[in-house]
Structures are given as structure tokens and as C-alpha cells.
């Protein structure tokens, strides 16, 4: 299973987004029950996309990073393609639709 790598500085987040063709940034929170459940499902389907780099940020503990990316509630899933935000989805995420969108982008790029 893919494990989301935890990041805790804005510089690390920005560097990883800019250095990878496709980057997932998943914002979670300590008091968010849905965050962990959705995270497990995201980690599972990201196994099918080995070239995507995936990171987790605790938005409650890293508020400057959350504000920089306009994240004000958790969870929030962001997909960056060549440094540009391409997908943003929040609490009411449709995982099947999300995976289809990622698959389409992934197949275009790789």
C-alpha cells in the first residue's frame, strides 16, 4: 500500500509540487474522523499510479500551509500537474469519480 508522506513546512510542500509531474497533497486534521477513512481509500487506489508522488499535511497543525492553499476545512484532496492545481475535492468526495479523473490525467501524461 502507498503511504502518504507527511510534510510540515511550506517550503517542502512547494518544492515537492514543483519537482514532480503529478503530485497529490491531502490535507487532514486531528479532529476529522472522515479524513482517516478517505486517506486509506486514496492510498489504496494510488497504488495503480506509481509515478504520482503523494503527501499528507495536517491542516490543523500547519495552518500557514493550509491557508496558502485555501484549505479551511478537512479533508481536502489536491492534485497538481506540473505545479498547477488540477483537481480539488473536499469532504464529500466521490472516490470513483476522483479515480477516473486521476486515471485520465495519468494516461495523458505517462
PDB file of N, CA and C in Angstrom:
ATOM      1  N   UNK A   1       0.830  -1.187   0.000  1.00  0.00           N
ATOM      2  CA  UNK A   1       0.000   0.000   0.000  1.00  0.00           C
ATOM      3  C   UNK A   1       0.870   1.244   0.000  1.00  0.00           C
ATOM      4  N   UNK A   2       0.469   2.235  -0.762  1.00  0.00           N
ATOM      5  CA  UNK A   2       1.137   3.538  -0.777  1.00  0.00           C
ATOM      6  C   UNK A   2       0.859   4.214   0.564  1.00  0.00           C
ATOM      7  N   UNK A   3       1.860   4.844   1.127  1.00  0.00           N
ATOM      8  CA  UNK A   3       1.679   5.605   2.353  1.00  0.00           C
ATOM      9  C   UNK A   3       1.960   7.068   2.022  1.00  0.00           C
ATOM     10  N   UNK A   4       1.014   7.930   2.355  1.00  0.00           N
ATOM     11  CA  UNK A   4       1.211   9.357   2.122  1.00  0.00           C
ATOM     12  C   UNK A   4       2.334   9.855   3.016  1.00  0.00           C
ATOM     13  N   UNK A   5       3.276  10.561   2.447  1.00  0.00           N
ATOM     14  CA  UNK A   5       4.416  11.098   3.186  1.00  0.00           C
ATOM     15  C   UNK A   5       3.990  12.405   3.843  1.00  0.00           C
ATOM     16  N   UNK A   6       4.247  12.529   5.142  1.00  0.00           N
ATOM     17  CA  UNK A   6       3.837  13.729   5.871  1.00  0.00           C
ATOM     18  C   UNK A   6       4.841  14.853   5.655  1.00  0.00           C
ATOM     19  N   UNK A   7       4.305  16.024   5.327  1.00  0.00           N
ATOM     20  CA  UNK A   7       5.117  17.227   5.168  1.00  0.00           C
ATOM     21  C   UNK A   7       4.634  18.260   6.171  1.00  0.00           C
ATOM     22  N   UNK A   8       5.573  19.102   6.648  1.00  0.00           N
ATOM     23  CA  UNK A   8       5.160  20.077   7.650  1.00  0.00           C
ATOM     24  C   UNK A   8       5.757  21.464   7.473  1.00  0.00           C
ATOM     25  N   UNK A   9       6.354  21.720   6.299  1.00  0.00           N
ATOM     26  CA  UNK A   9       6.800  23.087   6.018  1.00  0.00           C
ATOM     27  C   UNK A   9       6.329  23.489   4.624  1.00  0.00           C
ATOM     28  N   UNK A  10       6.033  24.757   4.481  1.00  0.00           N
ATOM     29  CA  UNK A  10       5.568  25.274   3.200  1.00  0.00           C
ATOM     30  C   UNK A  10       6.619  25.064   2.112  1.00  0.00           C
ATOM     31  N   UNK A  11       7.873  25.234   2.471  1.00  0.00           N
ATOM     32  CA  UNK A  11       8.959  25.046   1.502  1.00  0.00           C
ATOM     33  C   UNK A  11       8.996  23.618   0.964  1.00  0.00           C
ATOM     34  N   UNK A  12       8.862  22.626   1.837  1.00  0.00           N
ATOM     35  CA  UNK A  12       8.842  21.226   1.400  1.00  0.00           C
ATOM     36  C   UNK A  12       7.656  20.953   0.481  1.00  0.00           C
ATOM     37  N   UNK A  13       6.499  21.487   0.835  1.00  0.00           N
ATOM     38  CA  UNK A  13       5.305  21.284   0.024  1.00  0.00           C
ATOM     39  C   UNK A  13       5.517  21.883  -1.363  1.00  0.00           C
ATOM     40  N   UNK A  14       5.936  23.126  -1.421  1.00  0.00           N
ATOM     41  CA  UNK A  14       6.123  23.801  -2.709  1.00  0.00           C
ATOM     42  C   UNK A  14       7.198  23.122  -3.551  1.00  0.00           C
ATOM     43  N   UNK A  15       8.297  22.717  -2.919  1.00  0.00           N
ATOM     44  CA  UNK A  15       9.365  22.039  -3.662  1.00  0.00           C
ATOM     45  C   UNK A  15       8.881  20.724  -4.261  1.00  0.00           C
ATOM     46  N   UNK A  16       8.133  19.946  -3.482  1.00  0.00           N
ATOM     47  CA  UNK A  16       7.643  18.662  -3.990  1.00  0.00           C
ATOM     48  C   UNK A  16       6.616  18.846  -5.093  1.00  0.00           C
ATOM     49  N   UNK A  17       5.772  19.837  -4.980  1.00  0.00           N
ATOM     50  CA  UNK A  17       4.801  20.112  -6.042  1.00  0.00           C
ATOM     51  C   UNK A  17       5.526  20.509  -7.320  1.00  0.00           C
ATOM     52  N   UNK A  18       6.543  21.341  -7.194  1.00  0.00           N
ATOM     53  CA  UNK A  18       7.245  21.847  -8.376  1.00  0.00           C
ATOM     54  C   UNK A  18       8.208  20.841  -8.996  1.00  0.00           C
ATOM     55  N   UNK A  19       8.675  19.861  -8.234  1.00  0.00           N
ATOM     56  CA  UNK A  19       9.664  18.915  -8.735  1.00  0.00           C
ATOM     57  C   UNK A  19       9.055  17.654  -9.357  1.00  0.00           C
ATOM     58  N   UNK A  20       7.756  17.475  -9.227  1.00  0.00           N
ATOM     59  CA  UNK A  20       7.121  16.257  -9.733  1.00  0.00           C
ATOM     60  C   UNK A  20       6.077  16.597 -10.784  1.00  0.00           C
ATOM     61  N   UNK A  21       5.936  15.714 -11.774  1.00  0.00           N
ATOM     62  CA  UNK A  21       4.917  15.934 -12.802  1.00  0.00           C
ATOM     63  C   UNK A  21       3.513  15.889 -12.208  1.00  0.00           C
ATOM     64  N   UNK A  22       3.254  14.893 -11.373  1.00  0.00           N
ATOM     65  CA  UNK A  22       1.948  14.754 -10.727  1.00  0.00           C
ATOM     66  C   UNK A  22       2.147  14.587  -9.226  1.00  0.00           C
ATOM     67  N   UNK A  23       1.454  15.431  -8.459  1.00  0.00           N
ATOM     68  CA  UNK A  23       1.605  15.422  -7.013  1.00  0.00           C
ATOM     69  C   UNK A  23       0.241  15.499  -6.346  1.00  0.00           C
ATOM     70  N   UNK A  24       0.004  14.603  -5.395  1.00  0.00           N
ATOM     71  CA  UNK A  24      -1.193  14.652  -4.570  1.00  0.00           C
ATOM     72  C   UNK A  24      -0.813  15.272  -3.231  1.00  0.00           C
ATOM     73  N   UNK A  25      -1.625  16.225  -2.783  1.00  0.00           N
ATOM     74  CA  UNK A  25      -1.480  16.792  -1.447  1.00  0.00           C
ATOM     75  C   UNK A  25      -2.828  16.597  -0.760  1.00  0.00           C
ATOM     76  N   UNK A  26      -2.806  15.866   0.340  1.00  0.00           N
ATOM     77  CA  UNK A  26      -4.028  15.532   1.069  1.00  0.00           C
ATOM     78  C   UNK A  26      -3.972  16.194   2.437  1.00  0.00           C
ATOM     79  N   UNK A  27      -4.913  17.103   2.698  1.00  0.00           N
ATOM     80  CA  UNK A  27      -4.984  17.810   3.971  1.00  0.00           C
ATOM     81  C   UNK A  27      -5.907  17.061   4.926  1.00  0.00           C
ATOM     82  N   UNK A  28      -5.385  16.782   6.112  1.00  0.00           N
ATOM     83  CA  UNK A  28      -6.152  16.085   7.149  1.00  0.00           C
ATOM     84  C   UNK A  28      -6.201  16.948   8.407  1.00  0.00           C
ATOM     85  N   UNK A  29      -6.914  16.452   9.404  1.00  0.00           N
ATOM     86  CA  UNK A  29      -6.976  17.152  10.680  1.00  0.00           C
ATOM     87  C   UNK A  29      -7.082  16.160  11.822  1.00  0.00           C
ATOM     88  N   UNK A  30      -6.675  16.590  13.001  1.00  0.00           N
ATOM     89  CA  UNK A  30      -6.704  15.719  14.180  1.00  0.00           C
ATOM     90  C   UNK A  30      -8.123  15.335  14.579  1.00  0.00           C
ATOM     91  N   UNK A  31      -9.054  16.242  14.401  1.00  0.00           N
ATOM     92  CA  UNK A  31     -10.428  16.005  14.853  1.00  0.00           C
ATOM     93  C   UNK A  31     -11.349  15.599  13.703  1.00  0.00           C
ATOM     94  N   UNK A  32     -10.768  15.044  12.651  1.00  0.00           N
ATOM     95  CA  UNK A  32     -11.528  14.698  11.450  1.00  0.00           C
ATOM     96  C   UNK A  32     -11.605  13.181  11.301  1.00  0.00           C
ATOM     97  N   UNK A  33     -12.760  12.627  11.629  1.00  0.00           N
ATOM     98  CA  UNK A  33     -12.934  11.181  11.507  1.00  0.00           C
ATOM     99  C   UNK A  33     -12.938  10.710  10.073  1.00  0.00           C
ATOM    100  N   UNK A  34     -13.541  11.489   9.184  1.00  0.00           N
ATOM    101  CA  UNK A  34     -13.614  11.111   7.770  1.00  0.00           C
ATOM    102  C   UNK A  34     -12.233  11.125   7.113  1.00  0.00           C
ATOM    103  N   UNK A  35     -11.344  11.954   7.615  1.00  0.00           N
ATOM    104  CA  UNK A  35     -10.015  12.102   6.997  1.00  0.00           C
ATOM    105  C   UNK A  35      -9.271  10.773   6.900  1.00  0.00           C
ATOM    106  N   UNK A  36      -9.275  10.014   7.972  1.00  0.00           N
ATOM    107  CA  UNK A  36      -8.520   8.760   8.007  1.00  0.00           C
ATOM    108  C   UNK A  36      -9.146   7.714   7.091  1.00  0.00           C
ATOM    109  N   UNK A  37     -10.459   7.636   7.075  1.00  0.00           N
ATOM    110  CA  UNK A  37     -11.154   6.663   6.221  1.00  0.00           C
ATOM    111  C   UNK A  37     -10.880   6.960   4.754  1.00  0.00           C
ATOM    112  N   UNK A  38     -11.019   8.230   4.380  1.00  0.00           N
ATOM    113  CA  UNK A  38     -10.782   8.625   2.981  1.00  0.00           C
ATOM    114  C   UNK A  38      -9.311   8.447   2.629  1.00  0.00           C
ATOM    115  N   UNK A  39      -8.425   8.755   3.562  1.00  0.00           N
ATOM    116  CA  UNK A  39      -6.983   8.600   3.327  1.00  0.00           C
ATOM    117  C   UNK A  39      -6.645   7.155   2.965  1.00  0.00           C
ATOM    118  N   UNK A  40      -7.200   6.198   3.687  1.00  0.00           N
ATOM    119  CA  UNK A  40      -6.927   4.785   3.399  1.00  0.00           C
ATOM    120  C   UNK A  40      -7.378   4.412   1.995  1.00  0.00           C
ATOM    121  N   UNK A  41      -8.517   4.921   1.575  1.00  0.00           N
ATOM    122  CA  UNK A  41      -9.034   4.624   0.234  1.00  0.00           C
ATOM    123  C   UNK A  41      -8.171   5.286  -0.841  1.00  0.00           C
ATOM    124  N   UNK A  42      -7.707   6.499  -0.576  1.00  0.00           N
ATOM    125  CA  UNK A  42      -6.829   7.203  -1.524  1.00  0.00           C
ATOM    126  C   UNK A  42      -5.502   6.452  -1.650  1.00  0.00           C
ATOM    127  N   UNK A  43      -4.929   6.048  -0.521  1.00  0.00           N
ATOM    128  CA  UNK A  43      -3.667   5.300  -0.560  1.00  0.00           C
ATOM    129  C   UNK A  43      -3.835   4.019  -1.367  1.00  0.00           C
ATOM    130  N   UNK A  44      -4.974   3.371  -1.218  1.00  0.00           N
ATOM    131  CA  UNK A  44      -5.230   2.113  -1.931  1.00  0.00           C
ATOM    132  C   UNK A  44      -5.284   2.337  -3.445  1.00  0.00           C
ATOM    133  N   UNK A  45      -6.060   3.322  -3.916  1.00  0.00           N
ATOM    134  CA  UNK A  45      -6.150   3.480  -5.368  1.00  0.00           C
ATOM    135  C   UNK A  45      -4.924   4.138  -5.973  1.00  0.00           C
ATOM    136  N   UNK A  46      -4.124   4.848  -5.175  1.00  0.00           N
ATOM    137  CA  UNK A  46      -2.888   5.426  -5.709  1.00  0.00           C
ATOM    138  C   UNK A  46      -1.843   4.352  -6.023  1.00  0.00           C
ATOM    139  N   UNK A  47      -2.046   3.147  -5.514  1.00  0.00           N
ATOM    140  CA  UNK A  47      -1.148   2.037  -5.870  1.00  0.00           C
ATOM    141  C   UNK A  47      -1.127   1.809  -7.381  1.00  0.00           C
ATOM    142  N   UNK A  48      -2.212   2.157  -8.056  1.00  0.00           N
ATOM    143  CA  UNK A  48      -2.302   1.975  -9.506  1.00  0.00           C
ATOM    144  C   UNK A  48      -1.567   3.063 -10.279  1.00  0.00           C
ATOM    145  N   UNK A  49      -1.048   4.066  -9.585  1.00  0.00           N
ATOM    146  CA  UNK A  49      -0.400   5.202 -10.237  1.00  0.00           C
ATOM    147  C   UNK A  49       0.955   5.468  -9.587  1.00  0.00           C
ATOM    148  N   UNK A  50       1.925   4.602  -9.844  1.00  0.00           N
ATOM    149  CA  UNK A  50       3.198   4.661  -9.109  1.00  0.00           C
ATOM    150  C   UNK A  50       4.031   5.922  -9.362  1.00  0.00           C
ATOM    151  N   UNK A  51       3.774   6.643 -10.422  1.00  0.00           N
ATOM    152  CA  UNK A  51       4.570   7.839 -10.708  1.00  0.00           C
ATOM    153  C   UNK A  51       4.032   9.087 -10.018  1.00  0.00           C
ATOM    154  N   UNK A  52       2.871   8.984  -9.391  1.00  0.00           N
ATOM    155  CA  UNK A  52       2.324  10.118  -8.640  1.00  0.00           C
ATOM    156  C   UNK A  52       2.962  10.146  -7.258  1.00  0.00           C
ATOM    157  N   UNK A  53       3.485  11.289  -6.879  1.00  0.00           N
ATOM    158  CA  UNK A  53       4.030  11.477  -5.532  1.00  0.00           C
ATOM    159  C   UNK A  53       2.898  11.968  -4.643  1.00  0.00           C
ATOM    160  N   UNK A  54       2.755  11.385  -3.456  1.00  0.00           N
ATOM    161  CA  UNK A  54       1.616  11.684  -2.594  1.00  0.00           C
ATOM    162  C   UNK A  54       2.071  12.118  -1.201  1.00  0.00           C
ATOM    163  N   UNK A  55       1.474  13.212  -0.725  1.00  0.00           N
ATOM    164  CA  UNK A  55       1.866  13.801   0.549  1.00  0.00           C
ATOM    165  C   UNK A  55       0.639  14.112   1.397  1.00  0.00           C
ATOM    166  N   UNK A  56       0.845  14.107   2.706  1.00  0.00           N
ATOM    167  CA  UNK A  56      -0.205  14.423   3.671  1.00  0.00           C
ATOM    168  C   UNK A  56       0.245  15.616   4.505  1.00  0.00           C
ATOM    169  N   UNK A  57      -0.699  16.517   4.754  1.00  0.00           N
ATOM    170  CA  UNK A  57      -0.429  17.671   5.598  1.00  0.00           C
ATOM    171  C   UNK A  57      -1.538  17.769   6.627  1.00  0.00           C
ATOM    172  N   UNK A  58      -1.164  17.885   7.874  1.00  0.00           N
ATOM    173  CA  UNK A  58      -2.146  18.110   8.918  1.00  0.00           C
ATOM    174  C   UNK A  58      -2.464  19.608   8.905  1.00  0.00           C
ATOM    175  N   UNK A  59      -3.633  19.947   8.376  1.00  0.00           N
ATOM    176  CA  UNK A  59      -4.016  21.346   8.233  1.00  0.00           C
ATOM    177  C   UNK A  59      -4.267  22.053   9.545  1.00  0.00           C
ATOM    178  N   UNK A  60      -4.615  21.300  10.590  1.00  0.00           N
ATOM    179  CA  UNK A  60      -4.829  21.909  11.900  1.00  0.00           C
ATOM    180  C   UNK A  60      -3.504  22.297  12.548  1.00  0.00           C
ATOM    181  N   UNK A  61      -2.475  21.499  12.331  1.00  0.00           N
ATOM    182  CA  UNK A  61      -1.161  21.779  12.914  1.00  0.00           C
ATOM    183  C   UNK A  61      -0.317  22.691  12.036  1.00  0.00           C
ATOM    184  N   UNK A  62      -0.625  22.750  10.755  1.00  0.00           N
ATOM    185  CA  UNK A  62       0.150  23.546   9.796  1.00  0.00           C
ATOM    186  C   UNK A  62      -0.770  24.545   9.094  1.00  0.00           C
ATOM    187  N   UNK A  63      -1.269  25.490   9.884  1.00  0.00           N
ATOM    188  CA  UNK A  63      -2.276  26.415   9.358  1.00  0.00           C
ATOM    189  C   UNK A  63      -1.739  27.318   8.243  1.00  0.00           C
ATOM    190  N   UNK A  64      -0.469  27.674   8.295  1.00  0.00           N
ATOM    191  CA  UNK A  64       0.091  28.531   7.232  1.00  0.00           C
ATOM    192  C   UNK A  64       0.050  27.816   5.884  1.00  0.00           C
ATOM    193  N   UNK A  65       0.337  26.521   5.890  1.00  0.00           N
ATOM    194  CA  UNK A  65       0.290  25.743   4.648  1.00  0.00           C
ATOM    195  C   UNK A  65      -1.165  25.635   4.184  1.00  0.00           C
ATOM    196  N   UNK A  66      -2.068  25.353   5.103  1.00  0.00           N
ATOM    197  CA  UNK A  66      -3.486  25.236   4.755  1.00  0.00           C
ATOM    198  C   UNK A  66      -3.991  26.542   4.156  1.00  0.00           C
ATOM    199  N   UNK A  67      -3.678  27.655   4.770  1.00  0.00           N
ATOM    200  CA  UNK A  67      -4.138  28.951   4.247  1.00  0.00           C
ATOM    201  C   UNK A  67      -3.538  29.247   2.881  1.00  0.00           C
ATOM    202  N   UNK A  68      -2.279  28.900   2.704  1.00  0.00           N
ATOM    203  CA  UNK A  68      -1.611  29.131   1.408  1.00  0.00           C
ATOM    204  C   UNK A  68      -2.373  28.443   0.276  1.00  0.00           C
ATOM    205  N   UNK A  69      -2.929  27.263   0.570  1.00  0.00           N
ATOM    206  CA  UNK A  69      -3.650  26.502  -0.448  1.00  0.00           C
ATOM    207  C   UNK A  69      -5.175  26.615  -0.289  1.00  0.00           C
ATOM    208  N   UNK A  70      -5.611  27.640   0.444  1.00  0.00           N
ATOM    209  CA  UNK A  70      -7.041  27.924   0.645  1.00  0.00           C
ATOM    210  C   UNK A  70      -7.811  26.717   1.166  1.00  0.00           C
ATOM    211  N   UNK A  71      -7.228  26.052   2.142  1.00  0.00           N
ATOM    212  CA  UNK A  71      -7.873  24.900   2.781  1.00  0.00           C
ATOM    213  C   UNK A  71      -8.350  25.360   4.153  1.00  0.00           C
ATOM    214  N   UNK A  72      -9.675  25.374   4.330  1.00  0.00           N
ATOM    215  CA  UNK A  72     -10.254  25.876   5.575  1.00  0.00           C
ATOM    216  C   UNK A  72     -11.071  24.821   6.314  1.00  0.00           C
ATOM    217  N   UNK A  73     -11.251  23.651   5.695  1.00  0.00           N
ATOM    218  CA  UNK A  73     -11.882  22.518   6.359  1.00  0.00           C
ATOM    219  C   UNK A  73     -11.234  21.258   5.802  1.00  0.00           C
ATOM    220  N   UNK A  74     -11.293  20.192   6.557  1.00  0.00           N
ATOM    221  CA  UNK A  74     -10.653  18.954   6.145  1.00  0.00           C
ATOM    222  C   UNK A  74     -11.695  17.846   6.022  1.00  0.00           C
ATOM    223  N   UNK A  75     -11.445  16.856   5.193  1.00  0.00           N
ATOM    224  CA  UNK A  75     -10.267  16.674   4.350  1.00  0.00           C
ATOM    225  C   UNK A  75     -10.389  17.441   3.030  1.00  0.00           C
ATOM    226  N   UNK A  76      -9.229  17.704   2.441  1.00  0.00           N
ATOM    227  CA  UNK A  76      -9.155  18.283   1.095  1.00  0.00           C
ATOM    228  C   UNK A  76      -8.078  17.527   0.327  1.00  0.00           C
ATOM    229  N   UNK A  77      -8.441  17.118  -0.876  1.00  0.00           N
ATOM    230  CA  UNK A  77      -7.549  16.389  -1.772  1.00  0.00           C
ATOM    231  C   UNK A  77      -7.206  17.324  -2.915  1.00  0.00           C
ATOM    232  N   UNK A  78      -5.911  17.518  -3.161  1.00  0.00           N
ATOM    233  CA  UNK A  78      -5.456  18.355  -4.269  1.00  0.00           C
ATOM    234  C   UNK A  78      -4.543  17.532  -5.173  1.00  0.00           C
ATOM    235  N   UNK A  79      -4.746  17.647  -6.475  1.00  0.00           N
ATOM    236  CA  UNK A  79      -3.841  17.043  -7.442  1.00  0.00           C
ATOM    237  C   UNK A  79      -3.206  18.161  -8.238  1.00  0.00           C
ATOM    238  N   UNK A  80      -1.881  18.185  -8.237  1.00  0.00           N
ATOM    239  CA  UNK A  80      -1.130  19.169  -9.017  1.00  0.00           C
ATOM    240  C   UNK A  80      -0.490  18.463 -10.194  1.00  0.00           C
ATOM    241  N   UNK A  81      -0.596  19.063 -11.360  1.00  0.00           N
ATOM    242  CA  UNK A  81       0.059  18.545 -12.556  1.00  0.00           C
ATOM    243  C   UNK A  81       1.015  19.627 -13.035  1.00  0.00           C
ATOM    244  N   UNK A  82       2.294  19.265 -13.049  1.00  0.00           N
ATOM    245  CA  UNK A  82       3.363  20.188 -13.413  1.00  0.00           C
ATOM    246  C   UNK A  82       3.229  21.508 -12.659  1.00  0.00           C
ATOM    247  N   UNK A  83       2.964  21.398 -11.351  1.00  0.00           N
ATOM    248  CA  UNK A  83       2.922  22.558 -10.478  1.00  0.00           C
ATOM    249  C   UNK A  83       1.609  23.314 -10.432  1.00  0.00           C
ATOM    250  N   UNK A  84       0.633  22.916 -11.240  1.00  0.00           N
ATOM    251  CA  UNK A  84      -0.644  23.631 -11.277  1.00  0.00           C
ATOM    252  C   UNK A  84      -1.751  22.765 -10.692  1.00  0.00           C
ATOM    253  N   UNK A  85      -2.580  23.382  -9.853  1.00  0.00           N
ATOM    254  CA  UNK A  85      -3.695  22.650  -9.263  1.00  0.00           C
ATOM    255  C   UNK A  85      -4.679  22.250 -10.358  1.00  0.00           C
ATOM    256  N   UNK A  86      -4.961  20.954 -10.437  1.00  0.00           N
ATOM    257  CA  UNK A  86      -5.846  20.430 -11.475  1.00  0.00           C
ATOM    258  C   UNK A  86      -7.120  19.823 -10.916  1.00  0.00           C
ATOM    259  N   UNK A  87      -7.052  19.291  -9.709  1.00  0.00           N
ATOM    260  CA  UNK A  87      -8.232  18.712  -9.061  1.00  0.00           C
ATOM    261  C   UNK A  87      -8.238  19.167  -7.604  1.00  0.00           C
ATOM    262  N   UNK A  88      -9.427  19.555  -7.144  1.00  0.00           N
ATOM    263  CA  UNK A  88      -9.636  19.890  -5.730  1.00  0.00           C
ATOM    264  C   UNK A  88     -10.975  19.292  -5.329  1.00  0.00           C
ATOM    265  N   UNK A  89     -10.949  18.504  -4.280  1.00  0.00           N
ATOM    266  CA  UNK A  89     -12.193  17.948  -3.758  1.00  0.00           C
ATOM    267  C   UNK A  89     -12.105  17.900  -2.243  1.00  0.00           C
ATOM    268  N   UNK A  90     -13.254  18.026  -1.602  1.00  0.00           N
ATOM    269  CA  UNK A  90     -13.269  18.108  -0.151  1.00  0.00           C
ATOM    270  C   UNK A  90     -14.059  17.006   0.511  1.00  0.00           C
ATOM    271  N   UNK A  91     -14.721  17.363   1.569  1.00  0.00           N
ATOM    272  CA  UNK A  91     -15.383  16.426   2.460  1.00  0.00           C
ATOM    273  C   UNK A  91     -16.296  15.431   1.750  1.00  0.00           C
ATOM    274  N   UNK A  92     -17.031  15.859   0.784  1.00  0.00           N
ATOM    275  CA  UNK A  92     -17.982  14.980   0.098  1.00  0.00           C
ATOM    276  C   UNK A  92     -17.366  14.442  -1.193  1.00  0.00           C
ATOM    277  N   UNK A  93     -16.260  13.773  -1.066  1.00  0.00           N
ATOM    278  CA  UNK A  93     -15.506  13.290  -2.216  1.00  0.00           C
ATOM    279  C   UNK A  93     -16.169  12.039  -2.801  1.00  0.00           C
ATOM    280  N   UNK A  94     -16.304  12.052  -4.116  1.00  0.00           N
ATOM    281  CA  UNK A  94     -16.770  10.879  -4.853  1.00  0.00           C
ATOM    282  C   UNK A  94     -15.507  10.153  -5.310  1.00  0.00           C
ATOM    283  N   UNK A  95     -15.119   9.110  -4.588  1.00  0.00           N
ATOM    284  CA  UNK A  95     -13.847   8.437  -4.848  1.00  0.00           C
ATOM    285  C   UNK A  95     -13.782   7.811  -6.234  1.00  0.00           C
ATOM    286  N   UNK A  96     -14.882   7.289  -6.742  1.00  0.00           N
ATOM    287  CA  UNK A  96     -14.872   6.701  -8.087  1.00  0.00           C
ATOM    288  C   UNK A  96     -14.627   7.770  -9.143  1.00  0.00           C
ATOM    289  N   UNK A  97     -15.306   8.885  -9.014  1.00  0.00           N
ATOM    290  CA  UNK A  97     -15.123   9.992  -9.949  1.00  0.00           C
ATOM    291  C   UNK A  97     -13.699  10.544  -9.849  1.00  0.00           C
ATOM    292  N   UNK A  98     -13.195  10.657  -8.628  1.00  0.00           N
ATOM    293  CA  UNK A  98     -11.837  11.143  -8.413  1.00  0.00           C
ATOM    294  C   UNK A  98     -10.832  10.223  -9.084  1.00  0.00           C
ATOM    295  N   UNK A  99     -10.984   8.925  -8.885  1.00  0.00           N
ATOM    296  CA  UNK A  99     -10.046   7.984  -9.500  1.00  0.00           C
ATOM    297  C   UNK A  99     -10.128   8.028 -11.025  1.00  0.00           C
ATOM    298  N   UNK A 100     -11.312   8.158 -11.578  1.00  0.00           N
ATOM    299  CA  UNK A 100     -11.451   8.266 -13.043  1.00  0.00           C
ATOM    300  C   UNK A 100     -10.732   9.502 -13.575  1.00  0.00           C
ATOM    301  N   UNK A 101     -10.860  10.615 -12.867  1.00  0.00           N
ATOM    302  CA  UNK A 101     -10.190  11.849 -13.282  1.00  0.00           C
ATOM    303  C   UNK A 101      -8.679  11.700 -13.216  1.00  0.00           C
ATOM    304  N   UNK A 102      -8.187  11.112 -12.139  1.00  0.00           N
ATOM    305  CA  UNK A 102      -6.742  10.893 -11.995  1.00  0.00           C
ATOM    306  C   UNK A 102      -6.248   9.962 -13.100  1.00  0.00           C
ATOM    307  N   UNK A 103      -7.007   8.909 -13.362  1.00  0.00           N
ATOM    308  CA  UNK A 103      -6.633   7.955 -14.399  1.00  0.00           C
ATOM    309  C   UNK A 103      -6.511   8.640 -15.755  1.00  0.00           C
ATOM    310  N   UNK A 104      -7.445   9.513 -16.057  1.00  0.00           N
ATOM    311  CA  UNK A 104      -7.431  10.225 -17.344  1.00  0.00           C
ATOM    312  C   UNK A 104      -6.171  11.097 -17.456  1.00  0.00           C
ATOM    313  N   UNK A 105      -5.879  11.872 -16.429  1.00  0.00           N
ATOM    314  CA  UNK A 105      -4.679  12.713 -16.443  1.00  0.00           C
ATOM    315  C   UNK A 105      -3.417  11.857 -16.508  1.00  0.00           C
ATOM    316  N   UNK A 106      -3.380  10.812 -15.715  1.00  0.00           N
ATOM    317  CA  UNK A 106      -2.200   9.945 -15.644  1.00  0.00           C
ATOM    318  C   UNK A 106      -1.899   9.343 -17.006  1.00  0.00           C
ATOM    319  N   UNK A 107      -2.928   8.860 -17.691  1.00  0.00           N
ATOM    320  CA  UNK A 107      -2.727   8.250 -19.003  1.00  0.00           C
ATOM    321  C   UNK A 107      -2.337   9.257 -20.068  1.00  0.00           C
ATOM    322  N   UNK A 108      -2.747  10.501 -19.915  1.00  0.00           N
ATOM    323  CA  UNK A 108      -2.335  11.546 -20.860  1.00  0.00           C
ATOM    324  C   UNK A 108      -0.853  11.892 -20.675  1.00  0.00           C
ATOM    325  N   UNK A 109      -0.414  11.912 -19.420  1.00  0.00           N
ATOM    326  CA  UNK A 109       0.948  12.347 -19.115  1.00  0.00           C
ATOM    327  C   UNK A 109       1.958  11.218 -19.257  1.00  0.00           C
ATOM    328  N   UNK A 110       1.583  10.021 -18.812  1.00  0.00           N
ATOM    329  CA  UNK A 110       2.517   8.899 -18.860  1.00  0.00           C
ATOM    330  C   UNK A 110       2.066   7.927 -19.921  1.00  0.00           C
TER     331      UNK A 110
END
